[in-house]
Protein backbone atom coordinates (compact mmCIF):
# COMPACT_ATOMS: atom_id res chain seq x y z
CA MET A 1 74.14 83.50 64.95
CA THR A 2 71.78 85.40 62.71
CA VAL A 3 72.30 86.21 59.05
CA THR A 4 72.46 89.89 59.99
CA GLU A 5 75.29 89.19 62.44
CA GLN A 6 77.11 87.20 59.78
CA MET A 7 76.72 90.08 57.31
CA LYS A 8 78.18 92.52 59.84
CA ALA A 9 81.16 90.21 60.41
CA VAL A 10 81.81 89.89 56.69
CA ARG A 11 81.58 93.68 56.26
CA ARG A 12 84.17 94.09 59.04
CA GLU A 13 86.42 91.56 57.32
CA ILE A 14 86.13 93.37 53.98
CA ASP A 15 86.99 96.69 55.65
CA TYR A 16 89.94 95.03 57.42
CA ARG A 17 91.26 93.59 54.17
CA LYS A 18 90.88 96.90 52.35
CA ARG A 19 92.94 98.59 55.06
CA LEU A 20 95.59 95.86 55.44
CA TYR A 21 96.14 94.48 51.94
CA PRO A 22 97.65 97.63 50.40
CA LYS A 23 100.46 97.43 52.97
CA TRP A 24 100.96 93.73 52.28
CA VAL A 25 101.10 94.41 48.54
CA SER A 26 103.68 97.17 49.02
CA GLU A 27 105.73 94.84 51.25
CA GLY A 28 105.58 92.08 48.64
CA LYS A 29 103.61 89.72 50.91
CA MET A 30 100.92 89.36 48.24
CA THR A 31 100.24 90.58 44.74
CA GLN A 32 97.64 93.20 43.89
CA GLN A 33 95.83 90.53 41.88
CA GLU A 34 95.64 88.23 44.94
CA ALA A 35 94.49 91.11 47.16
CA ASN A 36 91.74 92.02 44.69
CA TYR A 37 90.68 88.38 44.41
CA GLN A 38 90.49 87.85 48.16
CA ILE A 39 88.43 91.00 48.65
CA GLU A 40 86.13 90.00 45.78
CA ILE A 41 85.55 86.62 47.43
CA MET A 42 84.37 88.29 50.63
CA GLU A 43 82.21 90.74 48.68
CA GLN A 44 80.55 87.76 46.98
CA VAL A 45 80.01 86.10 50.37
CA LEU A 46 78.31 89.29 51.53
CA SER A 47 76.16 89.33 48.40
CA THR A 48 75.11 85.72 49.06
CA LEU A 49 74.23 86.56 52.65
CA HIS A 50 72.15 89.54 51.44
CA THR A 51 70.24 87.17 49.15
CA VAL A 52 69.64 84.73 52.00
CA HIS A 53 68.59 87.57 54.30
CA ASN A 54 66.13 88.95 51.74
CA PHE A 55 64.66 85.48 51.22
CA VAL A 56 64.26 84.87 54.94
CA VAL A 57 62.75 88.30 55.56
CA GLY A 58 60.38 87.87 52.61
CA ALA A 59 59.45 84.34 53.63
CA THR A 60 58.84 85.22 57.25
CA THR A 61 56.68 88.21 56.39
CA THR A 62 54.63 86.57 53.65
CA ASP A 63 54.50 82.82 54.30
CA ARG A 64 55.92 81.32 57.48
CA LYS A 65 55.37 77.79 56.06
CA VAL A 66 58.23 78.32 53.59
CA LEU A 67 60.73 78.16 56.46
C-alpha cells in the first residue's frame, strides 16, 4: 500500500467522522470534546503522512540513494 493510498484512506476516515460524530454527540454517545479530539488525531495522522510523502517524493526525485 502506498503512502498516497494511505492518505486517501485517512481523508475518507476524517470525512466519515465529521459526518457521523455530530449525531453521536447529539445522542450522548460521545462528548463534543472527544469528537474533536478523535478528529484531530486523524488530521495529525494525515499531516504525518503528508510529511512522509513529501520526503519520499523529494528523495526519489533528487537522490535515490537516500531510500
